[in-house]
Amino acid sequence: MSTETPPADPAAAPDPGGPDGAGDPQSAQTSLATRAARNLATTTKSAPQMQGISSRWLLRNLPWVEARGGSYRVNRRLTLAVGRGRIGFVQNGADDVRIIPETLREIPVLHGFEDEALLAELASRFTVREFQPGEMIVEEGAPIEEVYVVAHGRLNRLGTGHYGGTGVLGTVADGDHLGDEAVLTSDPLWLNSFQATTPGTLMVLPWASFQELYDRSPGLREQISSHLDAARKSTDRHGQASVDISAGHAGETVLPNTFVDYELAPREYELSLTQTVLRIHSRVADLYNDPMNQTEEQLRLTIEAIREREEWELVNNREFGLLHNAAYEQRINTWSGPPTPDDLDDLLSMRRGTQFFLAHPKAIAAFFRECNKRGVYPDGTEVGGHRLPAWRGVPIFPCGKIPISPGQTSSIMALRTGEDNEGVIGLHQTGIPDEYRPGLNVRFMGIDEKAVISYLVTAYYSAAILVPDAIGILENVDIAGEHG
């Protein structure tokens, strides 16, 4: 039996001169260990990164106007025609749908009506009726015997053309109302047919029930009389009080006298704000500022978050946000659900000089799916060095702040901007105390007993729509359509 010792495995032998100084305890370290060397090295590093910073195209493209005094008044010509607003609902179950009485004022004939008790009684007289796809709700030429409010669903408005064919003239959807025009005529007839394209719910008021309420309510009779008087006044195609002008005459014709009337109570937009308190410990601010200033980096990321919220407010705020303040007559529904080239053409046709679309990235993807189905391949356009999708030469900017409903629907906005262009403008005020960026200031608030430094960071902003057709919205855009 051999007693020879096997040779040692070289791979298992300790390295006496290894980089970490590990080795035979009897061997002296001959070079600086890695762990020690890193204490003197400066690591190559990035500035603090932040997920959620978007391109913020709306903030970039809005012309910003000074709002001295913290507010901005939009003066307009007097408008006599009242727009058709949307009626609101409360749903306590599938079969318990009720109209919010105050929203009945969105019907032109009830605009400005102050008797809330009568509005509540009128709302209580509506009953629920379900409809199915393909169902004809009313026929053209039939007498108007009921008033309808669409609680949910979509109807096509059908009309007879010059050559006898029946075509789709438009759509009505949630909150729209039909039949209230009967108050303007003695023998009211439906001028169009309405056919359901989806399942849905109608709120129905028999005309006889409204007539009974009208007969016993002096206030309602006075309201309708005032509405009829306004309807008889001369207006232009935009619903504004007419300006009498003579043209094409010859000889010594007596020229008309006229003036341009203004709204007596123009809307004023007050600057809104987004604020936060930035807190930094003095030890961090004093000792850890090389190679990057901790206060500056904290402030940079805070301002990014504030600007993101600012754009969200400009889109979604109920007081001044573009989605909620666009005029109802400037809102249309898609023809079939997904956003098609026809839908964007309709949106373009509603105003002069549309400068850009604004849509959620998923809505843009849905639009290009529809283009692909039709074999249409729109060209892009160059904006500030960025290649962007476009339709008819109008760029389509992505905006993730536009909401997507639980039913996978969204909206697409079309805007004309600029004060000189009677468009949409952003509002801010520059030159404010401790201004850090235009319309944003950073104010030192002091150091507390825990040595924490506080800064108040505030951004002031708002948006104004100068005339109704400055912005249009394509609503109920289905972004979850089948891929074709």
Foldseek 3Di string as FASTA:
>chain_A
DDPDDDDDDVVPAADCADQQNDHDPVRDHDDHHPVVVVVPDDDDDDQDDDPDQDPLVVVVPFAADEDPPQKDFFWDFAFLFQFQDFWDWDDPDPQDIFTDLVSVLSHVLNPPQDPSVLSVVQRVQWHKDKDAAFAWPDAFFAWQFKKKAFQAAKKFWWAADPVGDIDTPAMDGHRGIDDPCVLQDPTHTHHTIIGGHHIGMMTMHGPVNVVVSCVPDPSSVVSNVVSNVSVPADDDPVRGHDFAADPDDDDDDDTDDGDTHIDPDTDMGGWDKDKDKDKDFVCCQPPVPPPHRPVVSSVVVVVSVRSLVVSLCCQDPCPFHPVNPFGPVQEGEDPNAADELVNVVVNCVLDPDFAAKEEAPLSVVSHVLNCVVVVHDAAWDADPNDTARDDPPHGYHHDNSFDADPQQWTKMKTADHDPVRQTKHKYAHAPDPQDPDGQKHWAWDDADPSRMTMIMIMGIMGMDRNDNSRMHMHTNHHSPDDRD
